[in-house]
PDB file of N, CA and C in Angstrom:
ATOM      1  N   MET A   1     -53.386 104.993 -25.754  1.00  0.00           N
ATOM      2  CA  MET A   1     -53.520 103.648 -26.396  1.00  0.00           C
ATOM      3  C   MET A   1     -52.939 102.607 -25.646  1.00  0.00           C
ATOM      4  N   LYS A   2     -51.916 102.812 -24.999  1.00  0.00           N
ATOM      5  CA  LYS A   2     -51.273 101.733 -23.918  1.00  0.00           C
ATOM      6  C   LYS A   2     -52.292 101.635 -22.869  1.00  0.00           C
ATOM      7  N   ARG A   3     -52.916 102.608 -22.294  1.00  0.00           N
ATOM      8  CA  ARG A   3     -53.756 102.667 -21.177  1.00  0.00           C
ATOM      9  C   ARG A   3     -54.952 101.727 -21.576  1.00  0.00           C
ATOM     10  N   ILE A   4     -55.560 101.892 -22.766  1.00  0.00           N
ATOM     11  CA  ILE A   4     -56.638 100.988 -23.169  1.00  0.00           C
ATOM     12  C   ILE A   4     -56.239  99.597 -23.415  1.00  0.00           C
ATOM     13  N   ALA A   5     -54.890  99.420 -23.777  1.00  0.00           N
ATOM     14  CA  ALA A   5     -54.416  97.741 -23.946  1.00  0.00           C
ATOM     15  C   ALA A   5     -54.201  97.215 -22.595  1.00  0.00           C
ATOM     16  N   ALA A   6     -53.795  98.066 -21.544  1.00  0.00           N
ATOM     17  CA  ALA A   6     -53.593  97.731 -20.295  1.00  0.00           C
ATOM     18  C   ALA A   6     -54.830  97.222 -19.610  1.00  0.00           C
ATOM     19  N   PHE A   7     -55.869  98.211 -19.675  1.00  0.00           N
ATOM     20  CA  PHE A   7     -56.979  98.033 -19.207  1.00  0.00           C
ATOM     21  C   PHE A   7     -57.785  96.682 -19.765  1.00  0.00           C
ATOM     22  N   MET A   8     -57.612  96.452 -21.201  1.00  0.00           N
ATOM     23  CA  MET A   8     -58.290  95.441 -21.803  1.00  0.00           C
ATOM     24  C   MET A   8     -57.654  94.105 -21.223  1.00  0.00           C
ATOM     25  N   LEU A   9     -56.182  94.199 -21.086  1.00  0.00           N
ATOM     26  CA  LEU A   9     -55.511  93.058 -20.631  1.00  0.00           C
ATOM     27  C   LEU A   9     -55.822  92.729 -19.090  1.00  0.00           C
ATOM     28  N   LEU A  10     -56.254  93.789 -18.244  1.00  0.00           N
ATOM     29  CA  LEU A  10     -56.713  93.569 -16.990  1.00  0.00           C
ATOM     30  C   LEU A  10     -58.051  92.971 -16.969  1.00  0.00           C
ATOM     31  N   VAL A  11     -59.099  93.388 -17.495  1.00  0.00           N
ATOM     32  CA  VAL A  11     -60.358  92.799 -17.700  1.00  0.00           C
ATOM     33  C   VAL A  11     -60.340  91.332 -18.086  1.00  0.00           C
ATOM     34  N   ALA A  12     -59.536  91.052 -19.197  1.00  0.00           N
ATOM     35  CA  ALA A  12     -59.303  89.800 -19.657  1.00  0.00           C
ATOM     36  C   ALA A  12     -58.815  88.786 -18.698  1.00  0.00           C
ATOM     37  N   LEU A  13     -57.763  89.187 -17.922  1.00  0.00           N
ATOM     38  CA  LEU A  13     -57.062  88.329 -16.614  1.00  0.00           C
ATOM     39  C   LEU A  13     -58.228  88.090 -15.684  1.00  0.00           C
ATOM     40  N   SER A  14     -58.999  89.068 -15.222  1.00  0.00           N
ATOM     41  CA  SER A  14     -59.786  89.062 -14.397  1.00  0.00           C
ATOM     42  C   SER A  14     -61.043  88.046 -14.625  1.00  0.00           C
ATOM     43  N   VAL A  15     -61.433  88.091 -15.845  1.00  0.00           N
ATOM     44  CA  VAL A  15     -62.463  87.188 -16.269  1.00  0.00           C
ATOM     45  C   VAL A  15     -61.886  85.745 -16.423  1.00  0.00           C
ATOM     46  N   ALA A  16     -60.579  85.660 -16.897  1.00  0.00           N
ATOM     47  CA  ALA A  16     -60.118  84.398 -17.038  1.00  0.00           C
ATOM     48  C   ALA A  16     -59.794  83.666 -15.561  1.00  0.00           C
ATOM     49  N   LEU A  17     -59.381  84.460 -14.637  1.00  0.00           N
ATOM     50  CA  LEU A  17     -59.112  83.793 -13.491  1.00  0.00           C
ATOM     51  C   LEU A  17     -60.409  83.355 -12.491  1.00  0.00           C
ATOM     52  N   SER A  18     -61.505  84.176 -12.878  1.00  0.00           N
ATOM     53  CA  SER A  18     -62.679  84.073 -12.017  1.00  0.00           C
ATOM     54  C   SER A  18     -63.401  82.763 -12.531  1.00  0.00           C
ATOM     55  N   ILE A  19     -63.093  82.366 -13.816  1.00  0.00           N
ATOM     56  CA  ILE A  19     -63.920  81.203 -14.471  1.00  0.00           C
ATOM     57  C   ILE A  19     -63.391  79.812 -13.798  1.00  0.00           C
ATOM     58  N   PRO A  20     -62.199  79.362 -13.625  1.00  0.00           N
ATOM     59  CA  PRO A  20     -61.632  78.244 -13.279  1.00  0.00           C
ATOM     60  C   PRO A  20     -62.089  78.042 -11.856  1.00  0.00           C
ATOM     61  N   ALA A  21     -62.311  79.206 -10.947  1.00  0.00           N
ATOM     62  CA  ALA A  21     -62.541  79.054  -9.488  1.00  0.00           C
ATOM     63  C   ALA A  21     -63.896  77.881  -9.444  1.00  0.00           C
ATOM     64  N   SER A  22     -64.656  78.181 -10.313  1.00  0.00           N
ATOM     65  CA  SER A  22     -66.107  77.259 -10.094  1.00  0.00           C
ATOM     66  C   SER A  22     -65.842  75.962 -10.788  1.00  0.00           C
ATOM     67  N   ALA A  23     -64.761  75.885 -11.770  1.00  0.00           N
ATOM     68  CA  ALA A  23     -64.687  74.591 -12.522  1.00  0.00           C
ATOM     69  C   ALA A  23     -63.884  73.524 -11.665  1.00  0.00           C
ATOM     70  N   GLN A  24     -63.026  74.326 -10.602  1.00  0.00           N
ATOM     71  CA  GLN A  24     -62.175  73.299  -9.809  1.00  0.00           C
ATOM     72  C   GLN A  24     -62.880  72.388  -8.670  1.00  0.00           C
ATOM     73  N   ARG A  25     -64.244  72.633  -8.563  1.00  0.00           N
ATOM     74  CA  ARG A  25     -64.997  71.899  -7.752  1.00  0.00           C
ATOM     75  C   ARG A  25     -64.898  70.487  -8.228  1.00  0.00           C
ATOM     76  N   VAL A  26     -64.519  69.426  -7.120  1.00  0.00           N
ATOM     77  CA  VAL A  26     -64.323  68.210  -7.500  1.00  0.00           C
ATOM     78  C   VAL A  26     -65.496  67.363  -6.908  1.00  0.00           C
ATOM     79  N   SER A  27     -66.271  66.491  -7.977  1.00  0.00           N
ATOM     80  CA  SER A  27     -67.526  65.744  -7.366  1.00  0.00           C
ATOM     81  C   SER A  27     -66.955  64.548  -6.592  1.00  0.00           C
ATOM     82  N   PRO A  28     -67.829  64.137  -5.759  1.00  0.00           N
ATOM     83  CA  PRO A  28     -67.429  62.805  -4.904  1.00  0.00           C
ATOM     84  C   PRO A  28     -66.837  61.578  -5.703  1.00  0.00           C
ATOM     85  N   GLU A  29     -67.478  61.395  -6.876  1.00  0.00           N
ATOM     86  CA  GLU A  29     -67.108  60.403  -7.806  1.00  0.00           C
ATOM     87  C   GLU A  29     -65.590  60.514  -8.155  1.00  0.00           C
ATOM     88  N   GLU A  30     -65.236  61.907  -8.677  1.00  0.00           N
ATOM     89  CA  GLU A  30     -63.907  62.195  -9.097  1.00  0.00           C
ATOM     90  C   GLU A  30     -63.051  62.103  -8.073  1.00  0.00           C
ATOM     91  N   ASN A  31     -63.487  62.489  -6.873  1.00  0.00           N
ATOM     92  CA  ASN A  31     -62.592  62.266  -5.522  1.00  0.00           C
ATOM     93  C   ASN A  31     -62.135  60.993  -5.272  1.00  0.00           C
ATOM     94  N   ALA A  32     -63.179  60.157  -5.470  1.00  0.00           N
ATOM     95  CA  ALA A  32     -63.118  58.578  -5.081  1.00  0.00           C
ATOM     96  C   ALA A  32     -62.123  58.092  -6.371  1.00  0.00           C
ATOM     97  N   ARG A  33     -62.342  58.635  -7.450  1.00  0.00           N
ATOM     98  CA  ARG A  33     -61.470  57.897  -8.556  1.00  0.00           C
ATOM     99  C   ARG A  33     -59.898  58.445  -8.213  1.00  0.00           C
ATOM    100  N   GLN A  34     -59.737  59.594  -8.044  1.00  0.00           N
ATOM    101  CA  GLN A  34     -58.333  60.125  -7.609  1.00  0.00           C
ATOM    102  C   GLN A  34     -57.866  59.383  -6.331  1.00  0.00           C
ATOM    103  N   SER A  35     -58.654  59.265  -5.383  1.00  0.00           N
ATOM    104  CA  SER A  35     -58.115  58.518  -4.199  1.00  0.00           C
ATOM    105  C   SER A  35     -57.891  57.121  -4.758  1.00  0.00           C
ATOM    106  N   ARG A  36     -58.357  56.333  -5.425  1.00  0.00           N
ATOM    107  CA  ARG A  36     -58.116  54.854  -6.115  1.00  0.00           C
ATOM    108  C   ARG A  36     -56.846  55.017  -6.629  1.00  0.00           C
ATOM    109  N   ALA A  37     -56.837  56.015  -7.542  1.00  0.00           N
ATOM    110  CA  ALA A  37     -55.486  55.910  -8.405  1.00  0.00           C
ATOM    111  C   ALA A  37     -54.358  56.282  -7.679  1.00  0.00           C
ATOM    112  N   ALA A  38     -54.587  57.118  -6.475  1.00  0.00           N
ATOM    113  CA  ALA A  38     -53.273  57.384  -5.533  1.00  0.00           C
ATOM    114  C   ALA A  38     -53.141  56.226  -4.858  1.00  0.00           C
ATOM    115  N   ALA A  39     -54.062  55.371  -4.373  1.00  0.00           N
ATOM    116  CA  ALA A  39     -53.757  54.252  -3.623  1.00  0.00           C
ATOM    117  C   ALA A  39     -52.811  53.162  -4.431  1.00  0.00           C
ATOM    118  N   LYS A  40     -53.466  53.031  -5.628  1.00  0.00           N
ATOM    119  CA  LYS A  40     -52.930  52.167  -6.691  1.00  0.00           C
ATOM    120  C   LYS A  40     -51.478  52.423  -6.976  1.00  0.00           C
ATOM    121  N   LYS A  41     -51.242  53.974  -7.116  1.00  0.00           N
ATOM    122  CA  LYS A  41     -49.862  54.368  -7.253  1.00  0.00           C
ATOM    123  C   LYS A  41     -48.967  53.947  -6.046  1.00  0.00           C
ATOM    124  N   GLN A  42     -49.527  53.889  -4.978  1.00  0.00           N
ATOM    125  CA  GLN A  42     -48.808  53.844  -3.651  1.00  0.00           C
ATOM    126  C   GLN A  42     -48.344  52.497  -3.633  1.00  0.00           C
ATOM    127  N   GLN A  43     -49.482  51.454  -3.898  1.00  0.00           N
ATOM    128  CA  GLN A  43     -49.202  49.944  -3.848  1.00  0.00           C
ATOM    129  C   GLN A  43     -48.178  49.393  -5.004  1.00  0.00           C
ATOM    130  N   LYS A  44     -48.265  50.092  -6.075  1.00  0.00           N
ATOM    131  CA  LYS A  44     -47.055  49.848  -7.076  1.00  0.00           C
ATOM    132  C   LYS A  44     -45.685  50.298  -6.662  1.00  0.00           C
ATOM    133  N   PHE A  45     -45.768  51.514  -5.904  1.00  0.00           N
ATOM    134  CA  PHE A  45     -44.467  51.923  -5.597  1.00  0.00           C
ATOM    135  C   PHE A  45     -44.025  50.956  -4.420  1.00  0.00           C
ATOM    136  N   LEU A  46     -44.751  50.598  -3.464  1.00  0.00           N
ATOM    137  CA  LEU A  46     -44.472  49.807  -2.330  1.00  0.00           C
ATOM    138  C   LEU A  46     -43.964  48.408  -2.895  1.00  0.00           C
ATOM    139  N   LYS A  47     -44.705  47.846  -3.978  1.00  0.00           N
ATOM    140  CA  LYS A  47     -44.400  46.587  -4.414  1.00  0.00           C
ATOM    141  C   LYS A  47     -42.967  46.726  -5.221  1.00  0.00           C
ATOM    142  N   LYS A  48     -42.668  47.735  -5.860  1.00  0.00           N
ATOM    143  CA  LYS A  48     -41.451  47.760  -6.484  1.00  0.00           C
ATOM    144  C   LYS A  48     -40.425  48.112  -5.268  1.00  0.00           C
ATOM    145  N   ALA A  49     -40.363  48.736  -4.478  1.00  0.00           N
ATOM    146  CA  ALA A  49     -39.594  48.967  -3.118  1.00  0.00           C
ATOM    147  C   ALA A  49     -39.314  47.565  -2.682  1.00  0.00           C
ATOM    148  N   ASN A  50     -40.201  46.703  -2.263  1.00  0.00           N
ATOM    149  CA  ASN A  50     -40.284  45.421  -1.801  1.00  0.00           C
ATOM    150  C   ASN A  50     -39.431  44.504  -2.587  1.00  0.00           C
ATOM    151  N   LYS A  51     -39.640  44.802  -4.038  1.00  0.00           N
ATOM    152  CA  LYS A  51     -38.782  43.691  -4.851  1.00  0.00           C
ATOM    153  C   LYS A  51     -37.291  44.161  -4.612  1.00  0.00           C
ATOM    154  N   LYS A  52     -37.263  45.344  -4.703  1.00  0.00           N
ATOM    155  CA  LYS A  52     -35.637  45.810  -4.709  1.00  0.00           C
ATOM    156  C   LYS A  52     -35.046  45.364  -3.364  1.00  0.00           C
ATOM    157  N   GLN A  53     -35.895  45.501  -2.263  1.00  0.00           N
ATOM    158  CA  GLN A  53     -35.316  45.115  -1.033  1.00  0.00           C
ATOM    159  C   GLN A  53     -34.723  43.524  -1.113  1.00  0.00           C
ATOM    160  N   ARG A  54     -35.847  42.728  -1.633  1.00  0.00           N
ATOM    161  CA  ARG A  54     -35.559  41.271  -1.779  1.00  0.00           C
ATOM    162  C   ARG A  54     -34.523  40.896  -2.500  1.00  0.00           C
ATOM    163  N   LYS A  55     -34.064  41.700  -3.546  1.00  0.00           N
ATOM    164  CA  LYS A  55     -33.086  41.452  -4.431  1.00  0.00           C
ATOM    165  C   LYS A  55     -31.821  41.758  -3.644  1.00  0.00           C
ATOM    166  N   ALA A  56     -31.831  42.975  -2.989  1.00  0.00           N
ATOM    167  CA  ALA A  56     -30.634  43.211  -2.082  1.00  0.00           C
ATOM    168  C   ALA A  56     -30.315  42.144  -1.243  1.00  0.00           C
ATOM    169  N   MET A  57     -31.247  41.614  -0.480  1.00  0.00           N
ATOM    170  CA  MET A  57     -31.285  40.828   0.514  1.00  0.00           C
ATOM    171  C   MET A  57     -30.590  39.323  -0.047  1.00  0.00           C
ATOM    172  N   LYS A  58     -31.238  39.161  -1.243  1.00  0.00           N
ATOM    173  CA  LYS A  58     -30.486  37.827  -1.958  1.00  0.00           C
ATOM    174  C   LYS A  58     -29.140  37.847  -2.368  1.00  0.00           C
ATOM    175  N   LYS A  59     -28.672  39.097  -2.849  1.00  0.00           N
ATOM    176  CA  LYS A  59     -27.466  39.551  -3.185  1.00  0.00           C
ATOM    177  C   LYS A  59     -26.548  39.228  -1.817  1.00  0.00           C
ATOM    178  N   SER A  60     -27.038  39.951  -1.011  1.00  0.00           N
ATOM    179  CA  SER A  60     -26.129  39.847   0.367  1.00  0.00           C
ATOM    180  C   SER A  60     -25.957  38.611   0.899  1.00  0.00           C
ATOM    181  N   GLU A  61     -27.000  37.755   0.948  1.00  0.00           N
ATOM    182  CA  GLU A  61     -26.916  36.307   1.358  1.00  0.00           C
ATOM    183  C   GLU A  61     -26.060  35.310   0.408  1.00  0.00           C
ATOM    184  N   LYS A  62     -26.069  35.833  -1.000  1.00  0.00           N
ATOM    185  CA  LYS A  62     -25.214  35.172  -1.735  1.00  0.00           C
ATOM    186  C   LYS A  62     -23.663  35.535  -1.578  1.00  0.00           C
ATOM    187  N   ALA A  63     -23.491  36.712  -1.236  1.00  0.00           N
ATOM    188  CA  ALA A  63     -22.087  37.032  -0.639  1.00  0.00           C
ATOM    189  C   ALA A  63     -21.516  36.628   0.381  1.00  0.00           C
ATOM    190  N   GLN A  64     -22.546  36.323   1.541  1.00  0.00           N
ATOM    191  CA  GLN A  64     -21.991  35.789   2.605  1.00  0.00           C
ATOM    192  C   GLN A  64     -21.726  34.556   2.688  1.00  0.00           C
ATOM    193  N   ARG A  65     -22.539  33.812   1.730  1.00  0.00           N
ATOM    194  CA  ARG A  65     -22.270  32.293   1.515  1.00  0.00           C
ATOM    195  C   ARG A  65     -20.879  32.106   0.816  1.00  0.00           C
ATOM    196  N   LYS A  66     -20.703  33.072  -0.013  1.00  0.00           N
ATOM    197  CA  LYS A  66     -19.416  32.893  -0.950  1.00  0.00           C
ATOM    198  C   LYS A  66     -18.223  33.249   0.000  1.00  0.00           C
ATOM    199  N   ALA A  67     -18.515  34.113   0.988  1.00  0.00           N
ATOM    200  CA  ALA A  67     -17.368  34.558   1.926  1.00  0.00           C
ATOM    201  C   ALA A  67     -17.094  33.414   3.004  1.00  0.00           C
ATOM    202  N   ASP A  68     -18.194  32.704   3.325  1.00  0.00           N
ATOM    203  CA  ASP A  68     -18.065  31.473   4.278  1.00  0.00           C
ATOM    204  C   ASP A  68     -17.452  30.428   3.344  1.00  0.00           C
ATOM    205  N   LYS A  69     -17.694  30.020   2.366  1.00  0.00           N
ATOM    206  CA  LYS A  69     -17.140  29.096   1.539  1.00  0.00           C
ATOM    207  C   LYS A  69     -15.636  29.374   1.465  1.00  0.00           C
ATOM    208  N   LYS A  70     -15.237  30.704   0.936  1.00  0.00           N
ATOM    209  CA  LYS A  70     -14.000  30.998   0.870  1.00  0.00           C
ATOM    210  C   LYS A  70     -13.101  30.733   2.171  1.00  0.00           C
ATOM    211  N   ALA A  71     -13.632  31.076   3.296  1.00  0.00           N
ATOM    212  CA  ALA A  71     -13.017  31.020   4.632  1.00  0.00           C
ATOM    213  C   ALA A  71     -13.091  29.700   4.967  1.00  0.00           C
ATOM    214  N   THR A  72     -13.787  28.765   4.685  1.00  0.00           N
ATOM    215  CA  THR A  72     -13.811  27.381   5.146  1.00  0.00           C
ATOM    216  C   THR A  72     -12.670  26.609   4.125  1.00  0.00           C
ATOM    217  N   LYS A  73     -12.531  27.204   2.958  1.00  0.00           N
ATOM    218  CA  LYS A  73     -11.723  26.590   2.087  1.00  0.00           C
ATOM    219  C   LYS A  73     -10.251  26.893   2.538  1.00  0.00           C
ATOM    220  N   LYS A  74     -10.029  28.204   2.873  1.00  0.00           N
ATOM    221  CA  LYS A  74      -8.691  28.706   3.539  1.00  0.00           C
ATOM    222  C   LYS A  74      -8.479  27.999   4.740  1.00  0.00           C
ATOM    223  N   ALA A  75      -9.390  27.686   5.630  1.00  0.00           N
ATOM    224  CA  ALA A  75      -9.061  27.231   6.813  1.00  0.00           C
ATOM    225  C   ALA A  75      -8.595  25.641   6.789  1.00  0.00           C
ATOM    226  N   ASN A  76      -9.354  24.982   5.441  1.00  0.00           N
ATOM    227  CA  ASN A  76      -8.969  23.722   5.251  1.00  0.00           C
ATOM    228  C   ASN A  76      -7.469  23.619   4.912  1.00  0.00           C
ATOM    229  N   ARG A  77      -7.036  24.401   4.021  1.00  0.00           N
ATOM    230  CA  ARG A  77      -5.609  24.489   3.479  1.00  0.00           C
ATOM    231  C   ARG A  77      -4.655  24.724   4.716  1.00  0.00           C
ATOM    232  N   ARG A  78      -5.129  25.328   5.595  1.00  0.00           N
ATOM    233  CA  ARG A  78      -4.215  25.539   6.730  1.00  0.00           C
ATOM    234  C   ARG A  78      -3.725  24.288   7.461  1.00  0.00           C
ATOM    235  N   ARG A  79      -4.902  23.576   7.703  1.00  0.00           N
ATOM    236  CA  ARG A  79      -4.751  22.171   8.364  1.00  0.00           C
ATOM    237  C   ARG A  79      -3.922  21.117   7.612  1.00  0.00           C
ATOM    238  N   LYS A  80      -3.874  21.223   6.231  1.00  0.00           N
ATOM    239  CA  LYS A  80      -3.220  20.369   5.700  1.00  0.00           C
ATOM    240  C   LYS A  80      -1.608  20.506   5.716  1.00  0.00           C
TER     241      LYS A  80
END
């Protein structure tokens, strides 16, 4: 009984694994669509990364201006 069940399972698996091999072929149109989707995803990622970089630069510049202002204020106090 176990031998028959194991044999049937083996047959079922071999049939199941042979079917998707032919279904995995990608047509040129599907390949182009996937390529466009990947390019769009890459552009979105780059845009997001650039935005993050701009925000960090802006924050850094603001901190630098604040530090310069503080240093100038401190230097002016010493003169008096």
